[in-house]
Amino acid sequence: MENVCLHGAPQNQSSVPPMFILTGIPGLEERSNWVATLFCSLYFLAILGNSLILLVVAKEQGLHKPMYLFLSMLALSELGISLSSAPTVLNLFLFDVREIGINACLAQMFFIHSFSIMDSGVLWAMAFDRFVAIYNPLQYAAILTNSRVVMIGLVVAARSVVLMIPLPVLLRGLPFCRPNVLAHPFCLHSNLIRFPCADITVNSRCGLFVVLSTFGLDSLCIVLSYIMILKTVLGMASKEGRLKALNTCVSHICAVVVYYVPMIGVSMAHRFGKHASPLLHSLMANIYLLVPPVLNPIIYSIKTKEIRKAFRKLFSLKSSL
């Protein structure tokens, strides 16, 4: 189905708002029950895991430290990603609801991308936190006070919202061709921008600016932070001290890899995989939105002793009630 405009005129000039068609996993339609069970399980794990992280950090006074406050921000952003994408994904796989209106689609796009940008910003803040802790441990508490950590979180959240506002506004003002078949069971800017029957130069440049000023800048800052961390660690005299310092970064490095590798995969698939199988686009996008929220609570629960102790205390308290 082609989304082209005949004779230069939009096909949907009527006052009826355009509708978009959500797409599941191509080739797995006959196994819809298994796919629905898988997605329900993944969303349940993502929402439960990140909610528990937020709960234990909020309840335990010993976790009211920069590292764990940043972790709670990461959990909040990933909880937001899961809750933003879950309605259309579960509606599609459970009830075969494939249509979504433009306003709902743009709203979902806004929230998914805003929380994704927030995720990226928090990962950079966590890299900075690790750098300060290793480079200047004696001044760590004085540099990263709780009030400064909260301020960093508010700036990261404000940046996410402010930079994303123009994208749905610009798209809403364009005429769309119909039928508009999305490549995923949710709305992403890189997919929606293909459908307007008008010049999308401004939209493309605005989208590129958002990507470069968020994901591009954040990833650069993360790399620079780890270069400085490695330089500091290699300057330590004790081998035991070097290993201990690097061990505090393992969870964060895993979180960065789990987040950025699928994101780069989605971007590459949209930019260079126009003739690739629709299955590739669908799998990459679903991995990008679902895998980090599922894995990060597990990674931090396994690798962080204080989080494990807080979980044991929480569950032992519940079992005694």
Protein backbone atom coordinates (compact mmCIF):
# COMPACT_ATOMS: atom_id res chain seq x y z
CA MET A 1 0.00 0.00 0.00
CA GLU A 2 1.54 3.23 -1.04
CA ASN A 3 1.30 6.52 0.81
CA VAL A 4 1.67 8.84 -2.19
CA CYS A 5 -0.49 11.77 -3.20
CA LEU A 6 -1.91 11.82 -6.67
CA HIS A 7 -1.48 14.99 -8.73
CA GLY A 8 0.18 16.66 -5.75
CA ALA A 9 -3.04 16.69 -3.71
CA PRO A 10 -3.49 14.97 -0.34
CA GLN A 11 -5.85 12.02 -0.34
CA ASN A 12 -7.44 12.96 3.00
CA GLN A 13 -8.63 16.47 2.39
CA SER A 14 -11.85 15.72 4.27
CA SER A 15 -12.40 16.93 7.80
CA VAL A 16 -12.10 13.34 9.08
CA PRO A 17 -8.84 13.01 11.03
CA PRO A 18 -6.46 10.41 9.56
CA MET A 19 -6.24 6.96 11.12
CA PHE A 20 -3.12 4.82 11.41
CA ILE A 21 -2.91 1.03 11.19
CA LEU A 22 -0.71 -0.67 13.79
CA THR A 23 1.39 -3.66 12.74
CA GLY A 24 2.27 -6.64 14.94
CA ILE A 25 5.10 -9.11 14.27
CA PRO A 26 5.07 -9.93 10.52
CA GLY A 27 5.03 -13.66 9.87
CA LEU A 28 3.87 -14.58 13.37
CA GLU A 29 0.16 -13.87 12.93
CA GLU A 30 -0.71 -17.58 13.33
CA ARG A 31 1.05 -17.65 16.70
CA SER A 32 -0.72 -14.59 18.06
CA ASN A 33 -1.56 -16.27 21.39
CA TRP A 34 2.10 -17.04 22.07
CA VAL A 35 3.17 -13.54 21.03
CA ALA A 36 0.47 -11.97 23.26
CA THR A 37 1.63 -14.10 26.21
CA LEU A 38 5.24 -13.07 25.61
CA PHE A 39 4.45 -9.35 25.45
CA CYS A 40 2.18 -9.49 28.51
CA SER A 41 4.96 -11.23 30.45
CA LEU A 42 7.60 -8.69 29.36
CA TYR A 43 5.42 -5.70 30.25
CA PHE A 44 4.56 -7.28 33.60
CA LEU A 45 8.26 -7.79 34.39
CA ALA A 46 9.18 -4.26 33.26
CA ILE A 47 6.44 -2.56 35.28
CA LEU A 48 6.98 -4.77 38.36
CA GLY A 49 10.77 -4.50 38.33
CA ASN A 50 10.95 -0.72 37.91
CA SER A 51 8.14 -0.16 40.42
CA LEU A 52 10.03 -2.23 43.00
CA ILE A 53 13.20 -0.20 42.38
CA LEU A 54 11.25 3.01 43.00
CA LEU A 55 9.66 1.52 46.11
CA VAL A 56 12.85 0.34 47.79
CA VAL A 57 14.75 3.57 47.04
CA ALA A 58 11.86 5.61 48.46
CA LYS A 59 11.49 3.45 51.61
CA GLU A 60 15.15 2.86 52.51
CA GLN A 61 16.93 5.87 54.01
CA GLY A 62 20.26 4.18 53.32
CA LEU A 63 19.54 4.37 49.59
CA HIS A 64 18.97 8.14 49.59
CA LYS A 65 22.34 8.66 47.93
CA PRO A 66 23.17 10.05 44.46
CA MET A 67 23.78 6.66 42.84
CA TYR A 68 20.43 5.25 43.96
CA LEU A 69 18.50 8.47 43.35
CA PHE A 70 19.75 8.38 39.76
CA LEU A 71 18.76 4.70 39.60
CA SER A 72 15.24 5.62 40.72
CA MET A 73 15.11 8.25 37.94
CA LEU A 74 16.16 5.58 35.43
CA ALA A 75 13.43 3.28 36.75
CA LEU A 76 10.87 6.11 36.49
CA SER A 77 11.75 6.88 32.86
CA GLU A 78 11.65 3.20 31.89
CA LEU A 79 8.35 2.76 33.69
CA GLY A 80 7.08 5.70 31.62
CA ILE A 81 8.27 4.07 28.38
CA SER A 82 6.51 0.82 29.26
CA LEU A 83 3.24 2.50 30.26
CA SER A 84 3.30 4.69 27.13
CA SER A 85 3.69 1.82 24.68
CA ALA A 86 1.70 -0.89 26.50
CA PRO A 87 -1.87 0.25 25.59
CA THR A 88 -1.50 -0.09 21.81
CA VAL A 89 0.79 -3.14 21.96
CA LEU A 90 -1.47 -5.14 24.27
CA ASN A 91 -4.64 -3.96 22.48
CA LEU A 92 -3.20 -5.22 19.21
CA PHE A 93 -1.97 -8.61 20.40
CA LEU A 94 -4.81 -9.35 22.84
CA PHE A 95 -7.84 -7.85 21.08
CA ASP A 96 -6.60 -7.27 17.49
CA VAL A 97 -7.32 -3.51 17.75
CA ARG A 98 -5.24 -2.09 14.89
CA GLU A 99 -6.52 1.45 14.32
CA ILE A 100 -5.31 4.51 16.20
CA GLY A 101 -6.31 8.14 15.60
CA ILE A 102 -3.75 10.81 14.84
CA ASN A 103 -4.15 12.62 18.18
CA ALA A 104 -3.68 9.44 20.20
CA CYS A 105 -0.78 8.42 17.97
CA LEU A 106 1.01 11.76 18.35
CA ALA A 107 0.43 11.74 22.11
CA GLN A 108 1.93 8.25 22.37
CA MET A 109 4.87 9.32 20.20
CA PHE A 110 5.47 12.33 22.46
CA PHE A 111 5.52 10.28 25.68
CA ILE A 112 7.60 7.40 24.29
CA HIS A 113 10.28 9.73 22.93
CA SER A 114 10.20 12.05 25.96
CA PHE A 115 10.81 9.18 28.37
CA SER A 116 13.47 7.75 26.02
CA ILE A 117 15.30 11.10 26.03
CA MET A 118 14.98 11.19 29.81
CA ASP A 119 16.46 7.67 29.93
CA SER A 120 19.46 8.84 27.92
CA GLY A 121 19.97 11.92 30.11
CA VAL A 122 19.83 9.87 33.31
CA LEU A 123 22.41 7.42 31.93
CA TRP A 124 24.76 10.34 31.31
CA ALA A 125 24.10 11.68 34.84
CA MET A 126 24.91 8.22 36.23
CA ALA A 127 28.20 8.19 34.28
CA PHE A 128 29.06 11.58 35.78
CA ASP A 129 28.16 10.23 39.22
CA ARG A 130 30.59 7.31 38.78
CA PHE A 131 33.32 9.68 37.57
CA VAL A 132 33.00 11.96 40.61
CA ALA A 133 32.90 8.96 42.98
CA ILE A 134 36.12 7.52 41.54
CA TYR A 135 38.01 10.73 40.75
CA ASN A 136 37.32 12.55 44.02
CA PRO A 137 35.76 10.17 46.57
CA LEU A 138 36.50 12.44 49.54
CA GLN A 139 34.47 15.31 48.04
CA TYR A 140 31.81 13.08 46.45
CA ALA A 141 29.09 13.79 49.03
CA ALA A 142 29.84 17.52 48.97
CA ILE A 143 29.77 17.77 45.15
CA LEU A 144 26.70 15.61 44.50
CA THR A 145 24.33 16.61 47.28
CA ASN A 146 20.78 15.28 47.18
CA SER A 147 19.45 18.72 46.22
CA ARG A 148 21.85 18.88 43.26
CA VAL A 149 20.87 15.37 42.19
CA VAL A 150 17.18 16.37 42.24
CA MET A 151 18.02 19.51 40.25
CA ILE A 152 19.86 17.42 37.63
CA GLY A 153 16.82 15.15 37.40
CA LEU A 154 14.47 18.10 36.90
CA VAL A 155 16.72 19.56 34.18
CA VAL A 156 16.85 16.19 32.39
CA ALA A 157 13.04 15.87 32.55
CA ALA A 158 12.49 19.47 31.40
CA ARG A 159 14.88 19.00 28.49
CA SER A 160 12.98 15.90 27.39
CA VAL A 161 9.62 17.67 27.34
CA VAL A 162 10.76 20.98 25.83
CA LEU A 163 12.69 19.40 22.96
CA MET A 164 9.87 16.98 22.09
CA ILE A 165 6.99 19.51 22.01
CA PRO A 166 7.71 20.83 18.46
CA LEU A 167 7.71 17.37 16.82
CA PRO A 168 4.03 16.40 17.30
CA VAL A 169 2.98 20.03 16.73
CA LEU A 170 4.76 20.13 13.36
CA LEU A 171 3.38 16.73 12.33
CA ARG A 172 -0.18 17.65 13.35
CA GLY A 173 -0.16 20.57 10.93
CA LEU A 174 0.64 18.41 7.88
CA PRO A 175 -1.80 16.59 5.57
CA PHE A 176 -1.50 12.79 5.76
CA CYS A 177 -2.02 10.24 3.00
CA ARG A 178 -4.16 7.23 3.63
CA PRO A 179 -3.94 4.33 4.32
CA ASN A 180 -1.13 4.90 6.83
CA VAL A 181 0.28 1.53 7.88
CA LEU A 182 2.79 1.81 10.74
CA ALA A 183 5.76 -0.53 10.96
CA HIS A 184 5.22 -1.15 14.70
CA PRO A 185 2.44 -1.65 17.27
CA PHE A 186 3.17 1.88 18.56
CA CYS A 187 3.90 5.33 17.14
CA LEU A 188 7.48 6.53 16.58
CA HIS A 189 8.55 9.78 14.92
CA SER A 190 10.85 8.04 12.45
CA ASN A 191 7.87 6.05 11.16
CA LEU A 192 5.22 8.81 11.22
CA ILE A 193 7.37 11.27 9.30
CA ARG A 194 7.06 9.10 6.17
CA PHE A 195 3.34 9.66 5.74
CA PRO A 196 2.68 13.40 5.24
CA CYS A 197 1.82 14.59 1.72
CA ALA A 198 3.85 17.76 2.11
CA ASP A 199 7.38 19.05 2.49
CA ILE A 200 8.87 17.52 5.66
CA THR A 201 12.22 19.33 5.56
CA VAL A 202 11.51 21.29 8.76
CA ASN A 203 10.26 18.14 10.51
CA SER A 204 13.35 16.16 9.48
CA ARG A 205 15.76 18.88 10.58
CA CYS A 206 13.94 19.35 13.87
CA GLY A 207 14.01 15.59 14.50
CA LEU A 208 17.72 15.46 13.67
CA PHE A 209 18.41 18.35 16.04
CA VAL A 210 16.57 16.56 18.86
CA VAL A 211 18.54 13.35 18.25
CA LEU A 212 21.93 15.10 18.12
CA SER A 213 21.27 17.35 21.13
CA THR A 214 20.07 14.47 23.30
CA PHE A 215 21.22 10.98 22.36
CA GLY A 216 24.27 12.24 20.46
CA LEU A 217 25.42 14.63 23.18
CA ASP A 218 24.61 12.20 26.01
CA SER A 219 26.51 9.32 24.41
CA LEU A 220 29.52 11.59 23.83
CA CYS A 221 29.46 12.70 27.49
CA ILE A 222 29.20 9.07 28.64
CA VAL A 223 32.24 8.10 26.53
CA LEU A 224 34.24 11.08 27.84
CA SER A 225 33.25 10.23 31.43
CA TYR A 226 34.53 6.68 31.03
CA ILE A 227 37.74 7.86 29.40
CA MET A 228 38.34 10.01 32.51
CA ILE A 229 37.32 7.10 34.76
CA LEU A 230 39.81 4.76 33.05
CA LYS A 231 42.54 7.38 33.28
CA THR A 232 41.88 7.78 37.01
CA VAL A 233 41.67 4.03 37.64
CA LEU A 234 44.91 3.30 35.77
CA GLY A 235 46.63 5.89 37.97
CA MET A 236 45.75 3.96 41.13
CA ALA A 237 48.64 2.12 42.76
CA SER A 238 46.62 -0.79 44.17
CA LYS A 239 45.30 -3.51 41.83
CA GLU A 240 42.57 -4.26 44.37
CA GLY A 241 41.57 -0.58 44.35
CA ARG A 242 41.41 -0.54 40.55
CA LEU A 243 39.17 -3.62 40.45
CA LYS A 244 36.92 -2.25 43.19
CA ALA A 245 36.54 1.08 41.38
CA LEU A 246 35.75 -0.59 38.04
CA ASN A 247 33.29 -2.98 39.70
CA THR A 248 31.13 -0.02 40.76
CA CYS A 249 30.68 0.83 37.06
CA VAL A 250 29.67 -2.63 35.79
CA SER A 251 25.91 -2.19 36.31
CA HIS A 252 25.92 1.21 34.61
CA ILE A 253 27.99 -0.06 31.65
CA CYS A 254 25.47 -2.90 31.19
CA ALA A 255 22.58 -0.41 31.31
CA VAL A 256 24.27 1.80 28.68
CA VAL A 257 24.87 -1.18 26.35
CA VAL A 258 21.33 -2.50 26.84
CA TYR A 259 19.90 0.95 26.01
CA TYR A 260 22.10 2.27 23.22
CA VAL A 261 22.66 -0.89 21.13
CA PRO A 262 18.92 -1.44 20.36
CA MET A 263 18.44 2.32 19.84
CA ILE A 264 21.26 2.44 17.28
CA GLY A 265 19.79 -0.68 15.66
CA VAL A 266 16.38 0.97 15.26
CA SER A 267 17.94 4.13 13.80
CA MET A 268 20.07 2.15 11.34
CA ALA A 269 17.10 0.02 10.30
CA HIS A 270 14.95 3.09 9.56
CA ARG A 271 17.71 4.98 7.76
CA PHE A 272 19.42 2.25 5.75
CA GLY A 273 17.01 -0.69 5.85
CA LYS A 274 14.18 0.64 3.69
CA HIS A 275 14.22 -2.53 1.62
CA ALA A 276 14.81 -4.86 4.56
CA SER A 277 12.23 -7.31 5.83
CA PRO A 278 9.38 -5.71 7.84
CA LEU A 279 10.19 -8.32 10.49
CA LEU A 280 13.56 -6.64 11.09
CA HIS A 281 11.97 -3.21 11.71
CA SER A 282 9.36 -4.70 14.02
CA LEU A 283 11.79 -6.77 16.08
CA MET A 284 14.33 -3.94 16.48
CA ALA A 285 11.68 -1.45 17.62
CA ASN A 286 10.14 -3.89 20.10
CA ILE A 287 13.56 -4.81 21.50
CA TYR A 288 14.40 -1.10 21.84
CA LEU A 289 11.29 -0.34 23.91
CA LEU A 290 10.97 -3.55 25.91
CA VAL A 291 14.41 -5.00 26.64
CA PRO A 292 15.97 -2.12 28.68
CA PRO A 293 12.99 -1.73 31.06
CA VAL A 294 12.98 -5.50 31.65
CA LEU A 295 16.74 -6.03 32.04
CA ASN A 296 17.90 -2.96 33.99
CA PRO A 297 16.07 -3.78 37.27
CA ILE A 298 17.46 -7.33 37.00
CA ILE A 299 21.01 -6.07 36.32
CA TYR A 300 20.98 -3.68 39.28
CA SER A 301 19.36 -6.26 41.55
CA ILE A 302 22.08 -8.80 40.75
CA LYS A 303 25.10 -6.48 40.74
CA THR A 304 24.24 -4.02 43.54
CA LYS A 305 24.50 -5.43 47.09
CA GLU A 306 22.52 -2.58 48.68
CA ILE A 307 19.58 -3.10 46.30
CA ARG A 308 19.58 -6.85 47.02
CA LYS A 309 19.55 -6.18 50.77
CA ALA A 310 16.69 -3.69 50.37
CA PHE A 311 14.67 -6.24 48.37
CA ARG A 312 15.26 -8.95 50.98
CA LYS A 313 14.21 -6.57 53.74
CA LEU A 314 11.09 -5.55 51.80
CA PHE A 315 9.97 -9.12 51.08
CA SER A 316 10.79 -10.38 54.56
CA LEU A 317 8.71 -7.54 56.02
CA LYS A 318 5.77 -8.40 53.75
CA SER A 319 5.97 -12.10 54.59
CA SER A 320 5.89 -11.34 58.34
CA LEU A 321 2.71 -9.24 58.07
